[in-house]
């Protein structure tokens, strides 16, 4: 899957197009940390212990998944609608984080 920034292909500094074999988009809470950035802007984080909805794009297909992570040091598990573990193709995987309640994801 080729990466896009809007309608423009994403590229490395060398000019080579970026791509991924698997793309996982997960929706998670996105609270502020209590720290401030330049100008006092809040610094957000993601809550990744728990569970939530997501989408897996691999092998030319896009399927809804449910993610689960039981502890900060535990692996994230992806499951399909029937509860079976989601299967990723061999190769690189990108994980995109979508803020719950304020972010959107469009699959086309």
N, C-alpha and C. Protein backbone atom coordinates (compact mmCIF):
# COMPACT_ATOMS: atom_id res chain seq x y z
N UNK A 1 0.83 -1.16 0.00
CA UNK A 1 0.00 0.00 0.00
C UNK A 1 0.88 1.23 0.00
N UNK A 2 0.63 2.10 -0.90
CA UNK A 2 1.39 3.34 -0.97
C UNK A 2 0.85 4.33 0.05
N UNK A 3 1.74 5.11 0.61
CA UNK A 3 1.34 6.12 1.59
C UNK A 3 1.06 7.42 0.87
N UNK A 4 0.02 8.10 1.34
CA UNK A 4 -0.33 9.40 0.77
C UNK A 4 -0.36 10.44 1.87
N UNK A 5 -0.03 11.65 1.50
CA UNK A 5 -0.21 12.82 2.36
C UNK A 5 -1.22 13.67 1.62
N UNK A 6 -2.49 13.51 1.96
CA UNK A 6 -3.55 14.12 1.16
C UNK A 6 -3.62 13.34 -0.14
N UNK A 7 -3.45 14.00 -1.25
CA UNK A 7 -3.46 13.32 -2.55
C UNK A 7 -2.05 13.10 -3.09
N UNK A 8 -1.03 13.52 -2.34
CA UNK A 8 0.36 13.43 -2.78
C UNK A 8 1.03 12.20 -2.18
N UNK A 9 1.68 11.38 -3.02
CA UNK A 9 2.40 10.22 -2.47
C UNK A 9 3.46 10.63 -1.45
N UNK A 10 3.55 9.90 -0.34
CA UNK A 10 4.56 10.16 0.67
C UNK A 10 5.89 9.61 0.17
N UNK A 11 6.96 10.35 0.39
CA UNK A 11 8.27 9.93 -0.07
C UNK A 11 9.32 10.11 1.02
N UNK A 12 10.38 9.33 0.91
CA UNK A 12 11.54 9.47 1.79
C UNK A 12 12.38 10.65 1.30
N UNK A 13 13.36 11.06 2.08
CA UNK A 13 14.23 12.15 1.68
C UNK A 13 14.92 11.86 0.35
N UNK A 14 15.13 10.57 0.07
CA UNK A 14 15.77 10.17 -1.19
C UNK A 14 14.85 10.31 -2.40
N UNK A 15 13.55 10.51 -2.13
CA UNK A 15 12.57 10.59 -3.21
C UNK A 15 11.83 9.28 -3.44
N UNK A 16 12.29 8.19 -2.81
CA UNK A 16 11.63 6.90 -2.96
C UNK A 16 10.25 6.94 -2.31
N UNK A 17 9.27 6.32 -2.97
CA UNK A 17 7.92 6.27 -2.40
C UNK A 17 7.87 5.37 -1.19
N UNK A 18 7.14 5.77 -0.18
CA UNK A 18 6.97 4.96 1.03
C UNK A 18 5.77 4.04 0.86
N UNK A 19 5.89 2.84 1.39
CA UNK A 19 4.77 1.90 1.32
C UNK A 19 4.83 0.94 2.49
N UNK A 20 3.71 0.28 2.73
CA UNK A 20 3.62 -0.70 3.81
C UNK A 20 2.84 -1.91 3.31
N UNK A 21 3.17 -3.08 3.84
CA UNK A 21 2.45 -4.31 3.51
C UNK A 21 1.13 -4.35 4.28
N UNK A 22 1.16 -3.92 5.54
CA UNK A 22 -0.02 -3.90 6.41
C UNK A 22 -0.17 -2.50 6.99
N UNK A 23 -1.40 -2.04 7.09
CA UNK A 23 -1.68 -0.78 7.79
C UNK A 23 -2.79 -1.07 8.80
N UNK A 24 -2.51 -0.79 10.05
CA UNK A 24 -3.48 -0.97 11.13
C UNK A 24 -3.84 0.41 11.65
N UNK A 25 -5.10 0.76 11.62
CA UNK A 25 -5.59 2.03 12.19
C UNK A 25 -6.42 1.68 13.40
N UNK A 26 -6.02 2.21 14.56
CA UNK A 26 -6.78 1.94 15.78
C UNK A 26 -7.31 3.25 16.34
N UNK A 27 -8.49 3.17 16.92
CA UNK A 27 -9.12 4.32 17.57
C UNK A 27 -8.92 4.16 19.07
N UNK A 28 -8.39 5.21 19.70
CA UNK A 28 -8.12 5.16 21.14
C UNK A 28 -8.31 6.53 21.75
N UNK A 29 -8.55 6.56 23.07
CA UNK A 29 -8.66 7.82 23.79
C UNK A 29 -7.36 8.61 23.63
N UNK A 30 -7.49 9.94 23.57
CA UNK A 30 -6.37 10.83 23.26
C UNK A 30 -6.32 11.98 24.26
N UNK A 31 -6.09 11.67 25.56
CA UNK A 31 -6.11 12.73 26.57
C UNK A 31 -4.83 13.56 26.58
N UNK A 32 -4.91 14.73 27.19
CA UNK A 32 -3.72 15.55 27.39
C UNK A 32 -2.91 14.99 28.55
N UNK A 33 -1.60 15.19 28.50
CA UNK A 33 -0.70 14.65 29.53
C UNK A 33 -0.58 15.54 30.75
N UNK A 34 -0.96 16.79 30.63
CA UNK A 34 -0.73 17.74 31.71
C UNK A 34 0.55 18.53 31.49
N UNK A 35 1.34 18.15 30.49
CA UNK A 35 2.55 18.90 30.13
C UNK A 35 2.18 19.93 29.08
N UNK A 36 2.98 20.98 29.01
CA UNK A 36 2.75 22.02 28.01
C UNK A 36 3.88 22.07 27.00
N UNK A 37 3.54 22.34 25.78
CA UNK A 37 4.52 22.51 24.71
C UNK A 37 4.81 24.00 24.56
N UNK A 38 5.49 24.37 23.50
CA UNK A 38 5.76 25.78 23.24
C UNK A 38 4.46 26.55 23.19
N UNK A 39 4.45 27.70 23.79
CA UNK A 39 3.26 28.53 23.80
C UNK A 39 2.15 28.00 24.70
N UNK A 40 2.45 26.98 25.52
CA UNK A 40 1.46 26.45 26.44
C UNK A 40 0.48 25.47 25.85
N UNK A 41 0.68 25.07 24.59
CA UNK A 41 -0.21 24.09 23.96
C UNK A 41 -0.13 22.77 24.72
N UNK A 42 -1.25 22.09 24.94
CA UNK A 42 -1.22 20.82 25.64
C UNK A 42 -0.51 19.74 24.83
N UNK A 43 0.13 18.82 25.53
CA UNK A 43 0.82 17.69 24.89
C UNK A 43 -0.06 16.46 25.09
N UNK A 44 -0.64 15.94 24.01
CA UNK A 44 -1.52 14.78 24.15
C UNK A 44 -0.75 13.46 24.15
N UNK A 45 -1.46 12.43 24.54
CA UNK A 45 -0.94 11.06 24.50
C UNK A 45 -2.08 10.16 24.04
N UNK A 46 -1.86 8.88 23.99
CA UNK A 46 -2.92 7.92 23.68
C UNK A 46 -3.03 6.92 24.81
N UNK A 47 -4.24 6.49 25.12
CA UNK A 47 -4.48 5.44 26.10
C UNK A 47 -4.53 4.12 25.33
N UNK A 48 -3.47 3.33 25.47
CA UNK A 48 -3.38 2.10 24.68
C UNK A 48 -3.48 0.84 25.51
N UNK A 49 -3.83 0.95 26.77
CA UNK A 49 -4.16 -0.22 27.57
C UNK A 49 -5.67 -0.26 27.65
N UNK A 50 -6.26 -1.36 27.20
CA UNK A 50 -7.71 -1.50 27.12
C UNK A 50 -8.08 -2.14 25.81
N UNK A 51 -9.11 -1.60 25.17
CA UNK A 51 -9.54 -2.17 23.89
C UNK A 51 -10.28 -1.10 23.10
N UNK A 52 -10.44 -1.36 21.82
CA UNK A 52 -11.14 -0.42 20.97
C UNK A 52 -11.29 -0.96 19.56
N UNK A 53 -11.87 -0.16 18.71
CA UNK A 53 -12.10 -0.55 17.32
C UNK A 53 -10.92 -0.16 16.45
N UNK A 54 -10.82 -0.82 15.32
CA UNK A 54 -9.76 -0.52 14.38
C UNK A 54 -10.08 -1.06 13.00
N UNK A 55 -9.16 -0.86 12.10
CA UNK A 55 -9.27 -1.33 10.72
C UNK A 55 -7.91 -1.88 10.33
N UNK A 56 -7.90 -3.04 9.67
CA UNK A 56 -6.69 -3.64 9.15
C UNK A 56 -6.77 -3.65 7.63
N UNK A 57 -5.77 -3.08 6.98
CA UNK A 57 -5.67 -3.13 5.52
C UNK A 57 -4.47 -3.99 5.18
N UNK A 58 -4.70 -5.10 4.47
CA UNK A 58 -3.64 -6.01 4.08
C UNK A 58 -4.11 -6.87 2.92
N UNK A 59 -3.22 -7.20 2.03
CA UNK A 59 -3.56 -8.09 0.92
C UNK A 59 -4.66 -7.56 0.02
N UNK A 60 -4.78 -6.26 -0.10
CA UNK A 60 -5.81 -5.67 -0.96
C UNK A 60 -7.19 -5.65 -0.33
N UNK A 61 -7.30 -6.02 0.94
CA UNK A 61 -8.58 -6.02 1.64
C UNK A 61 -8.50 -5.15 2.88
N UNK A 62 -9.64 -4.62 3.28
CA UNK A 62 -9.74 -3.84 4.51
C UNK A 62 -10.83 -4.48 5.37
N UNK A 63 -10.47 -4.83 6.61
CA UNK A 63 -11.42 -5.49 7.49
C UNK A 63 -11.46 -4.78 8.84
N UNK A 64 -12.66 -4.70 9.44
CA UNK A 64 -12.73 -4.13 10.80
C UNK A 64 -12.10 -5.10 11.80
N UNK A 65 -11.44 -4.55 12.80
CA UNK A 65 -10.83 -5.36 13.85
C UNK A 65 -11.14 -4.73 15.20
N UNK A 66 -10.90 -5.48 16.22
CA UNK A 66 -10.98 -5.00 17.61
C UNK A 66 -9.59 -5.19 18.19
N UNK A 67 -9.03 -4.14 18.81
CA UNK A 67 -7.72 -4.27 19.43
C UNK A 67 -7.87 -4.44 20.93
N UNK A 68 -6.91 -5.17 21.53
CA UNK A 68 -6.89 -5.40 22.97
C UNK A 68 -5.45 -5.31 23.44
N UNK A 69 -5.25 -4.67 24.58
CA UNK A 69 -3.92 -4.59 25.20
C UNK A 69 -4.17 -4.60 26.70
N UNK A 70 -3.74 -5.67 27.38
CA UNK A 70 -4.09 -5.86 28.79
C UNK A 70 -3.18 -5.12 29.76
N UNK A 71 -1.97 -4.74 29.33
CA UNK A 71 -1.03 -4.03 30.19
C UNK A 71 -0.05 -3.26 29.32
N UNK A 72 0.63 -2.27 29.91
CA UNK A 72 1.57 -1.46 29.15
C UNK A 72 2.66 -2.31 28.51
N UNK A 73 3.07 -3.39 29.18
CA UNK A 73 4.14 -4.22 28.63
C UNK A 73 3.62 -5.46 27.90
N UNK A 74 2.32 -5.52 27.67
CA UNK A 74 1.73 -6.65 26.93
C UNK A 74 1.62 -6.30 25.45
N UNK A 75 1.65 -7.30 24.59
CA UNK A 75 1.49 -7.02 23.15
C UNK A 75 0.05 -6.62 22.84
N UNK A 76 -0.12 -5.87 21.77
CA UNK A 76 -1.46 -5.54 21.29
C UNK A 76 -1.94 -6.71 20.44
N UNK A 77 -3.18 -7.12 20.65
CA UNK A 77 -3.78 -8.22 19.91
C UNK A 77 -4.90 -7.66 19.06
N UNK A 78 -4.95 -8.07 17.80
CA UNK A 78 -6.02 -7.66 16.89
C UNK A 78 -6.91 -8.87 16.63
N UNK A 79 -8.23 -8.66 16.70
CA UNK A 79 -9.18 -9.75 16.46
C UNK A 79 -10.21 -9.31 15.41
N UNK A 80 -10.63 -10.26 14.59
CA UNK A 80 -11.66 -10.00 13.60
C UNK A 80 -13.03 -10.04 14.27
N UNK A 81 -14.08 -9.77 13.52
CA UNK A 81 -15.44 -9.70 14.08
C UNK A 81 -15.86 -10.99 14.76
N UNK A 82 -15.36 -12.13 14.29
CA UNK A 82 -15.74 -13.41 14.91
C UNK A 82 -14.86 -13.78 16.10
N UNK A 83 -13.94 -12.89 16.49
CA UNK A 83 -13.08 -13.12 17.65
C UNK A 83 -11.78 -13.82 17.34
N UNK A 84 -11.58 -14.21 16.09
CA UNK A 84 -10.33 -14.89 15.70
C UNK A 84 -9.20 -13.87 15.60
N UNK A 85 -7.97 -14.30 15.86
CA UNK A 85 -6.84 -13.38 15.69
C UNK A 85 -6.75 -12.90 14.24
N UNK A 86 -6.52 -11.61 14.05
CA UNK A 86 -6.35 -11.06 12.71
C UNK A 86 -4.97 -11.46 12.19
N UNK A 87 -4.90 -11.78 10.92
CA UNK A 87 -3.65 -12.23 10.31
C UNK A 87 -3.05 -11.11 9.47
N UNK A 88 -1.81 -10.76 9.76
CA UNK A 88 -1.08 -9.77 8.98
C UNK A 88 -0.17 -10.50 8.00
N UNK A 89 0.04 -9.92 6.85
CA UNK A 89 0.95 -10.49 5.86
C UNK A 89 2.39 -10.26 6.32
N UNK A 90 3.31 -11.12 5.91
CA UNK A 90 4.72 -10.88 6.22
C UNK A 90 5.18 -9.56 5.60
N UNK A 91 5.92 -8.79 6.36
CA UNK A 91 6.43 -7.52 5.86
C UNK A 91 6.21 -6.42 6.88
N UNK A 92 6.47 -5.19 6.46
CA UNK A 92 6.36 -4.07 7.40
C UNK A 92 4.91 -3.70 7.67
N UNK A 93 4.68 -3.21 8.87
CA UNK A 93 3.34 -2.82 9.31
C UNK A 93 3.40 -1.40 9.87
N UNK A 94 2.49 -0.57 9.39
CA UNK A 94 2.33 0.77 9.94
C UNK A 94 1.12 0.76 10.84
N UNK A 95 1.23 1.45 11.98
CA UNK A 95 0.10 1.60 12.90
C UNK A 95 -0.25 3.08 12.95
N UNK A 96 -1.49 3.37 12.62
CA UNK A 96 -2.01 4.73 12.65
C UNK A 96 -2.92 4.86 13.86
N UNK A 97 -2.79 5.93 14.62
CA UNK A 97 -3.62 6.17 15.79
C UNK A 97 -4.66 7.23 15.46
N UNK A 98 -5.92 6.91 15.71
CA UNK A 98 -7.03 7.81 15.43
C UNK A 98 -7.63 8.24 16.77
N UNK A 99 -7.68 9.54 17.06
CA UNK A 99 -8.24 9.99 18.34
C UNK A 99 -9.73 9.65 18.46
N UNK A 100 -10.11 8.93 19.51
CA UNK A 100 -11.52 8.60 19.76
C UNK A 100 -12.30 9.88 19.99
N UNK A 101 -13.45 10.00 19.35
CA UNK A 101 -14.32 11.13 19.56
C UNK A 101 -14.03 12.35 18.70
N UNK A 102 -12.80 12.48 18.22
CA UNK A 102 -12.48 13.67 17.42
C UNK A 102 -11.79 13.34 16.09
N UNK A 103 -11.30 12.12 15.94
CA UNK A 103 -10.62 11.73 14.71
C UNK A 103 -11.55 10.99 13.78
N UNK A 104 -11.16 10.93 12.52
CA UNK A 104 -11.94 10.18 11.53
C UNK A 104 -11.00 9.34 10.68
N UNK A 105 -11.56 8.29 10.11
CA UNK A 105 -10.83 7.42 9.22
C UNK A 105 -11.73 7.14 8.03
N UNK A 106 -11.22 7.37 6.83
CA UNK A 106 -11.98 7.09 5.61
C UNK A 106 -11.23 6.04 4.82
N UNK A 107 -11.92 4.97 4.48
CA UNK A 107 -11.34 3.90 3.67
C UNK A 107 -11.95 4.00 2.29
N UNK A 108 -11.08 4.09 1.28
CA UNK A 108 -11.60 4.16 -0.09
C UNK A 108 -10.83 3.23 -1.01
